[in-house]
Amino acid sequence: MTREKQCLLVVEDELLIRMVLAQTLEDAGYDVIEAGNGLEAIAAIAGDARIDAIITDVDMPGGISGLDIARMAKLAGGIIPVLVMSGREHDLSAAGIDEADFILKPCRTEDLLSRLADRLEGVAARAGDPSRMRA
């Protein structure tokens, strides 16, 4: 059975960081949709039904933070895994989004890809979709 490429939404306001992150994820075999702020992220979520996970920075311009995006994903039933990244510590459970995973920047590529794969596998296992699980 051929496994469909998983699609990730990367939300990062720093262009160079977003470009490197998107390229890293594409090199790892994912399709990537990029958003430079919260409004672009909301538009991408509303316009693309195949987003499998979201990787978002916390602090962004425009009044919608990565924490807001994680809360929106939680309201969607928590079926979209969210990895929240920041250069400073954040307590996600205190922000009401303990379903999301926090990654402190900078991080190693291997750590990011491993945590992402774990989150995607967890969703697939809960959904009973063996085609989405790692071999």
N, C-alpha and C. Protein backbone atom coordinates (compact mmCIF):
# COMPACT_ATOMS: atom_id res chain seq x y z
N MET A 1 0.84 -1.17 0.00
CA MET A 1 0.00 0.00 0.00
C MET A 1 0.89 1.24 0.00
N THR A 2 0.62 2.16 -0.90
CA THR A 2 1.37 3.41 -0.97
C THR A 2 0.85 4.38 0.07
N ARG A 3 1.77 4.93 0.83
CA ARG A 3 1.38 5.88 1.87
C ARG A 3 1.37 7.29 1.31
N GLU A 4 0.28 7.98 1.50
CA GLU A 4 0.15 9.37 1.08
C GLU A 4 1.09 10.23 1.91
N LYS A 5 1.74 11.20 1.24
CA LYS A 5 2.61 12.13 1.97
C LYS A 5 1.76 12.93 2.94
N GLN A 6 2.28 13.11 4.13
CA GLN A 6 1.58 13.90 5.13
C GLN A 6 1.88 15.38 4.89
N CYS A 7 0.89 16.20 5.16
CA CYS A 7 0.98 17.64 4.91
C CYS A 7 1.09 18.40 6.23
N LEU A 8 2.08 19.25 6.32
CA LEU A 8 2.33 20.03 7.53
C LEU A 8 2.13 21.51 7.25
N LEU A 9 1.57 22.20 8.22
CA LEU A 9 1.48 23.66 8.17
C LEU A 9 2.57 24.21 9.07
N VAL A 10 3.47 25.00 8.49
CA VAL A 10 4.55 25.64 9.24
C VAL A 10 4.22 27.12 9.37
N VAL A 11 4.08 27.58 10.61
CA VAL A 11 3.72 28.97 10.88
C VAL A 11 4.89 29.63 11.60
N GLU A 12 5.57 30.52 10.89
CA GLU A 12 6.77 31.18 11.42
C GLU A 12 6.90 32.53 10.74
N ASP A 13 7.03 33.60 11.52
CA ASP A 13 7.11 34.94 10.93
C ASP A 13 8.50 35.28 10.42
N GLU A 14 9.52 34.63 10.92
CA GLU A 14 10.90 34.88 10.44
C GLU A 14 11.12 34.08 9.16
N LEU A 15 11.24 34.79 8.04
CA LEU A 15 11.30 34.16 6.73
C LEU A 15 12.40 33.11 6.62
N LEU A 16 13.62 33.43 7.03
CA LEU A 16 14.71 32.47 6.89
C LEU A 16 14.49 31.22 7.73
N ILE A 17 14.00 31.39 8.93
CA ILE A 17 13.70 30.22 9.78
C ILE A 17 12.61 29.38 9.13
N ARG A 18 11.56 30.03 8.62
CA ARG A 18 10.47 29.32 7.97
C ARG A 18 10.97 28.55 6.74
N MET A 19 11.82 29.18 5.95
CA MET A 19 12.34 28.53 4.74
C MET A 19 13.19 27.31 5.08
N VAL A 20 14.05 27.44 6.08
CA VAL A 20 14.91 26.32 6.48
C VAL A 20 14.06 25.19 7.06
N LEU A 21 13.11 25.54 7.89
CA LEU A 21 12.23 24.54 8.49
C LEU A 21 11.41 23.82 7.41
N ALA A 22 10.85 24.57 6.49
CA ALA A 22 10.06 23.97 5.40
C ALA A 22 10.92 23.04 4.56
N GLN A 23 12.13 23.48 4.21
CA GLN A 23 13.01 22.64 3.40
C GLN A 23 13.41 21.37 4.14
N THR A 24 13.69 21.49 5.43
CA THR A 24 14.04 20.33 6.24
C THR A 24 12.90 19.32 6.25
N LEU A 25 11.68 19.80 6.43
CA LEU A 25 10.52 18.92 6.46
C LEU A 25 10.24 18.30 5.10
N GLU A 26 10.41 19.09 4.03
CA GLU A 26 10.24 18.54 2.69
C GLU A 26 11.28 17.47 2.39
N ASP A 27 12.52 17.71 2.82
CA ASP A 27 13.58 16.72 2.64
C ASP A 27 13.28 15.43 3.39
N ALA A 28 12.52 15.55 4.48
CA ALA A 28 12.14 14.38 5.29
C ALA A 28 10.91 13.67 4.70
N GLY A 29 10.35 14.20 3.61
CA GLY A 29 9.26 13.52 2.93
C GLY A 29 7.87 14.07 3.16
N TYR A 30 7.77 15.23 3.79
CA TYR A 30 6.47 15.84 4.04
C TYR A 30 6.14 16.88 2.97
N ASP A 31 4.86 17.09 2.72
CA ASP A 31 4.40 18.25 1.98
C ASP A 31 4.29 19.38 3.00
N VAL A 32 4.61 20.60 2.61
CA VAL A 32 4.61 21.72 3.55
C VAL A 32 3.83 22.90 2.99
N ILE A 33 2.96 23.45 3.82
CA ILE A 33 2.29 24.71 3.54
C ILE A 33 2.89 25.73 4.51
N GLU A 34 3.27 26.88 4.01
CA GLU A 34 3.90 27.90 4.85
C GLU A 34 2.96 29.05 5.14
N ALA A 35 3.04 29.57 6.37
CA ALA A 35 2.29 30.76 6.77
C ALA A 35 3.24 31.65 7.56
N GLY A 36 3.17 32.96 7.28
CA GLY A 36 4.06 33.91 7.94
C GLY A 36 3.46 34.58 9.16
N ASN A 37 2.17 34.31 9.42
CA ASN A 37 1.53 34.87 10.61
C ASN A 37 0.25 34.09 10.90
N GLY A 38 -0.43 34.45 11.96
CA GLY A 38 -1.63 33.73 12.39
C GLY A 38 -2.76 33.79 11.39
N LEU A 39 -2.96 34.95 10.76
CA LEU A 39 -4.04 35.08 9.78
C LEU A 39 -3.81 34.18 8.57
N GLU A 40 -2.57 34.12 8.10
CA GLU A 40 -2.25 33.21 6.99
C GLU A 40 -2.46 31.76 7.41
N ALA A 41 -2.15 31.45 8.66
CA ALA A 41 -2.34 30.08 9.16
C ALA A 41 -3.82 29.71 9.17
N ILE A 42 -4.66 30.64 9.64
CA ILE A 42 -6.10 30.38 9.67
C ILE A 42 -6.63 30.18 8.26
N ALA A 43 -6.16 30.99 7.33
CA ALA A 43 -6.59 30.84 5.93
C ALA A 43 -6.16 29.48 5.38
N ALA A 44 -4.95 29.05 5.71
CA ALA A 44 -4.46 27.75 5.24
C ALA A 44 -5.27 26.61 5.84
N ILE A 45 -5.59 26.71 7.12
CA ILE A 45 -6.37 25.66 7.78
C ILE A 45 -7.77 25.60 7.17
N ALA A 46 -8.37 26.76 6.94
CA ALA A 46 -9.72 26.80 6.37
C ALA A 46 -9.74 26.32 4.93
N GLY A 47 -8.64 26.52 4.21
CA GLY A 47 -8.62 26.20 2.80
C GLY A 47 -8.07 24.85 2.43
N ASP A 48 -7.47 24.13 3.37
CA ASP A 48 -6.84 22.86 3.03
C ASP A 48 -7.23 21.81 4.05
N ALA A 49 -8.06 20.87 3.63
CA ALA A 49 -8.57 19.84 4.54
C ALA A 49 -7.55 18.75 4.81
N ARG A 50 -6.38 18.81 4.21
CA ARG A 50 -5.44 17.72 4.40
C ARG A 50 -4.23 18.07 5.27
N ILE A 51 -4.35 19.02 6.15
CA ILE A 51 -3.26 19.35 7.08
C ILE A 51 -3.23 18.29 8.17
N ASP A 52 -2.08 17.60 8.26
CA ASP A 52 -1.93 16.50 9.21
C ASP A 52 -1.32 16.95 10.53
N ALA A 53 -0.58 18.05 10.52
CA ALA A 53 0.04 18.58 11.74
C ALA A 53 0.41 20.04 11.52
N ILE A 54 0.54 20.75 12.64
CA ILE A 54 0.92 22.16 12.61
C ILE A 54 2.18 22.34 13.45
N ILE A 55 3.14 23.06 12.89
CA ILE A 55 4.34 23.47 13.63
C ILE A 55 4.31 24.98 13.64
N THR A 56 4.23 25.57 14.82
CA THR A 56 4.06 27.01 14.91
C THR A 56 5.00 27.65 15.92
N ASP A 57 5.47 28.83 15.57
CA ASP A 57 6.20 29.68 16.49
C ASP A 57 5.16 30.30 17.43
N VAL A 58 5.58 30.78 18.59
CA VAL A 58 4.65 31.39 19.53
C VAL A 58 4.39 32.84 19.17
N ASP A 59 5.44 33.64 19.15
CA ASP A 59 5.29 35.08 18.98
C ASP A 59 5.29 35.46 17.51
N MET A 60 4.17 36.07 17.07
CA MET A 60 4.05 36.50 15.69
C MET A 60 3.28 37.81 15.63
N PRO A 61 3.49 38.57 14.56
CA PRO A 61 2.74 39.82 14.41
C PRO A 61 1.28 39.54 14.02
N GLY A 62 0.44 40.53 14.21
CA GLY A 62 -0.93 40.42 13.73
C GLY A 62 -1.96 40.05 14.77
N GLY A 63 -1.54 39.86 16.01
CA GLY A 63 -2.50 39.61 17.07
C GLY A 63 -2.92 38.16 17.27
N ILE A 64 -2.46 37.25 16.43
CA ILE A 64 -2.77 35.83 16.61
C ILE A 64 -1.45 35.10 16.82
N SER A 65 -1.29 34.53 18.00
CA SER A 65 -0.04 33.86 18.34
C SER A 65 -0.11 32.38 18.01
N GLY A 66 1.02 31.73 18.12
CA GLY A 66 1.06 30.28 17.95
C GLY A 66 0.23 29.57 19.01
N LEU A 67 0.13 30.15 20.19
CA LEU A 67 -0.72 29.57 21.24
C LEU A 67 -2.18 29.64 20.83
N ASP A 68 -2.57 30.74 20.18
CA ASP A 68 -3.94 30.87 19.67
C ASP A 68 -4.21 29.80 18.60
N ILE A 69 -3.25 29.58 17.73
CA ILE A 69 -3.40 28.56 16.68
C ILE A 69 -3.54 27.18 17.31
N ALA A 70 -2.75 26.89 18.34
CA ALA A 70 -2.86 25.61 19.03
C ALA A 70 -4.22 25.45 19.70
N ARG A 71 -4.74 26.53 20.27
CA ARG A 71 -6.09 26.47 20.87
C ARG A 71 -7.15 26.19 19.81
N MET A 72 -7.00 26.79 18.63
CA MET A 72 -7.94 26.54 17.53
C MET A 72 -7.90 25.08 17.10
N ALA A 73 -6.71 24.53 17.04
CA ALA A 73 -6.58 23.12 16.66
C ALA A 73 -7.23 22.23 17.73
N LYS A 74 -7.11 22.62 18.99
CA LYS A 74 -7.75 21.88 20.08
C LYS A 74 -9.27 21.91 19.92
N LEU A 75 -9.82 23.07 19.53
CA LEU A 75 -11.26 23.19 19.33
C LEU A 75 -11.75 22.31 18.18
N ALA A 76 -10.85 21.95 17.28
CA ALA A 76 -11.20 21.08 16.16
C ALA A 76 -11.20 19.62 16.60
N GLY A 77 -11.21 19.38 17.89
CA GLY A 77 -11.26 18.02 18.40
C GLY A 77 -9.91 17.43 18.73
N GLY A 78 -8.86 18.24 18.63
CA GLY A 78 -7.53 17.77 18.99
C GLY A 78 -6.98 16.72 18.05
N ILE A 79 -7.54 16.60 16.84
CA ILE A 79 -7.08 15.57 15.92
C ILE A 79 -5.88 16.02 15.09
N ILE A 80 -5.58 17.31 15.09
CA ILE A 80 -4.40 17.81 14.39
C ILE A 80 -3.30 18.03 15.43
N PRO A 81 -2.23 17.25 15.36
CA PRO A 81 -1.14 17.47 16.32
C PRO A 81 -0.49 18.83 16.10
N VAL A 82 -0.11 19.47 17.21
CA VAL A 82 0.52 20.79 17.14
C VAL A 82 1.83 20.74 17.90
N LEU A 83 2.88 21.22 17.24
CA LEU A 83 4.17 21.42 17.89
C LEU A 83 4.39 22.92 17.97
N VAL A 84 4.54 23.43 19.17
CA VAL A 84 4.72 24.85 19.42
C VAL A 84 6.20 25.08 19.69
N MET A 85 6.79 26.03 18.94
CA MET A 85 8.22 26.31 19.07
C MET A 85 8.43 27.74 19.54
N SER A 86 9.47 27.92 20.34
CA SER A 86 9.82 29.27 20.79
C SER A 86 11.25 29.27 21.28
N GLY A 87 11.84 30.45 21.26
CA GLY A 87 13.18 30.63 21.80
C GLY A 87 13.19 30.80 23.30
N ARG A 88 12.00 30.82 23.92
CA ARG A 88 11.91 30.89 25.38
C ARG A 88 10.85 29.89 25.86
N GLU A 89 10.99 29.47 27.09
CA GLU A 89 10.10 28.46 27.66
C GLU A 89 8.66 28.96 27.73
N HIS A 90 7.73 28.05 27.53
CA HIS A 90 6.30 28.33 27.67
C HIS A 90 5.65 27.13 28.34
N ASP A 91 4.74 27.39 29.26
CA ASP A 91 3.98 26.32 29.91
C ASP A 91 2.66 26.17 29.16
N LEU A 92 2.61 25.18 28.28
CA LEU A 92 1.44 24.99 27.44
C LEU A 92 0.21 24.57 28.24
N SER A 93 0.41 23.78 29.29
CA SER A 93 -0.76 23.38 30.09
C SER A 93 -1.37 24.57 30.81
N ALA A 94 -0.53 25.52 31.25
CA ALA A 94 -1.06 26.73 31.88
C ALA A 94 -1.80 27.59 30.86
N ALA A 95 -1.44 27.46 29.58
CA ALA A 95 -2.11 28.20 28.52
C ALA A 95 -3.36 27.46 28.03
N GLY A 96 -3.64 26.30 28.64
CA GLY A 96 -4.84 25.55 28.27
C GLY A 96 -4.70 24.71 27.03
N ILE A 97 -3.48 24.40 26.64
CA ILE A 97 -3.25 23.60 25.43
C ILE A 97 -2.25 22.49 25.69
N ASP A 98 -2.51 21.71 26.73
CA ASP A 98 -1.57 20.65 27.08
C ASP A 98 -1.52 19.53 26.06
N GLU A 99 -2.41 19.53 25.05
CA GLU A 99 -2.35 18.53 23.99
C GLU A 99 -1.20 18.80 23.03
N ALA A 100 -0.74 20.05 22.97
CA ALA A 100 0.35 20.41 22.07
C ALA A 100 1.68 20.01 22.70
N ASP A 101 2.68 19.94 21.86
CA ASP A 101 4.03 19.58 22.28
C ASP A 101 4.89 20.83 22.15
N PHE A 102 5.73 21.12 23.15
CA PHE A 102 6.58 22.31 23.12
C PHE A 102 8.00 21.93 22.75
N ILE A 103 8.60 22.71 21.86
CA ILE A 103 9.99 22.51 21.46
C ILE A 103 10.72 23.84 21.62
N LEU A 104 11.80 23.83 22.37
CA LEU A 104 12.61 25.02 22.58
C LEU A 104 13.56 25.20 21.40
N LYS A 105 13.56 26.41 20.82
CA LYS A 105 14.47 26.72 19.71
C LYS A 105 15.77 27.27 20.28
N PRO A 106 16.86 27.00 19.64
CA PRO A 106 17.04 26.11 18.50
C PRO A 106 16.97 24.65 18.94
N CYS A 107 16.56 23.80 18.01
CA CYS A 107 16.50 22.38 18.32
C CYS A 107 17.20 21.59 17.22
N ARG A 108 17.55 20.39 17.55
CA ARG A 108 18.18 19.51 16.56
C ARG A 108 17.12 18.99 15.60
N THR A 109 17.47 18.88 14.35
CA THR A 109 16.56 18.37 13.33
C THR A 109 16.02 17.00 13.71
N GLU A 110 16.90 16.13 14.20
CA GLU A 110 16.49 14.77 14.56
C GLU A 110 15.42 14.79 15.66
N ASP A 111 15.58 15.70 16.62
CA ASP A 111 14.61 15.80 17.71
C ASP A 111 13.25 16.27 17.18
N LEU A 112 13.27 17.28 16.33
CA LEU A 112 12.02 17.80 15.75
C LEU A 112 11.32 16.71 14.95
N LEU A 113 12.04 16.02 14.07
CA LEU A 113 11.43 14.99 13.23
C LEU A 113 10.92 13.82 14.06
N SER A 114 11.64 13.46 15.10
CA SER A 114 11.20 12.37 15.97
C SER A 114 9.93 12.73 16.72
N ARG A 115 9.88 13.91 17.29
CA ARG A 115 8.68 14.32 18.03
C ARG A 115 7.50 14.48 17.10
N LEU A 116 7.73 14.98 15.91
CA LEU A 116 6.67 15.11 14.92
C LEU A 116 6.13 13.74 14.54
N ALA A 117 7.01 12.81 14.25
CA ALA A 117 6.59 11.46 13.88
C ALA A 117 5.82 10.79 15.01
N ASP A 118 6.27 11.00 16.25
CA ASP A 118 5.56 10.43 17.41
C ASP A 118 4.14 10.99 17.51
N ARG A 119 4.00 12.30 17.32
CA ARG A 119 2.67 12.92 17.40
C ARG A 119 1.76 12.43 16.28
N LEU A 120 2.29 12.34 15.07
CA LEU A 120 1.50 11.86 13.94
C LEU A 120 1.10 10.40 14.13
N GLU A 121 2.01 9.60 14.64
CA GLU A 121 1.72 8.19 14.89
C GLU A 121 0.66 8.05 15.97
N GLY A 122 0.71 8.88 16.99
CA GLY A 122 -0.29 8.84 18.05
C GLY A 122 -1.68 9.13 17.54
N VAL A 123 -1.80 10.10 16.66
CA VAL A 123 -3.10 10.43 16.07
C VAL A 123 -3.58 9.27 15.20
N ALA A 124 -2.68 8.70 14.42
CA ALA A 124 -3.05 7.58 13.55
C ALA A 124 -3.50 6.38 14.37
N ALA A 125 -2.82 6.13 15.48
CA ALA A 125 -3.19 5.00 16.33
C ALA A 125 -4.58 5.21 16.95
N ARG A 126 -4.84 6.43 17.39
CA ARG A 126 -6.16 6.72 17.97
C ARG A 126 -7.26 6.62 16.92
N ALA A 127 -6.91 6.96 15.68
CA ALA A 127 -7.90 6.92 14.60
C ALA A 127 -8.01 5.53 13.99
N GLY A 128 -7.09 4.63 14.34
CA GLY A 128 -7.11 3.29 13.79
C GLY A 128 -6.71 3.24 12.33
N ASP A 129 -5.82 4.14 11.91
CA ASP A 129 -5.40 4.21 10.51
C ASP A 129 -3.98 3.68 10.39
N PRO A 130 -3.81 2.39 10.06
CA PRO A 130 -2.47 1.82 9.99
C PRO A 130 -1.60 2.39 8.87
N SER A 131 -2.22 2.97 7.84
CA SER A 131 -1.43 3.52 6.75
C SER A 131 -0.67 4.77 7.18
N ARG A 132 -1.07 5.39 8.27
CA ARG A 132 -0.41 6.60 8.75
C ARG A 132 0.67 6.29 9.79
N MET A 133 0.74 5.05 10.24
CA MET A 133 1.72 4.69 11.26
C MET A 133 3.05 4.38 10.62
N ARG A 134 4.12 4.62 11.40
CA ARG A 134 5.46 4.31 10.91
C ARG A 134 5.63 2.81 10.79
N ALA A 135 6.43 2.41 9.82
CA ALA A 135 6.70 0.98 9.62
C ALA A 135 7.71 0.51 10.64
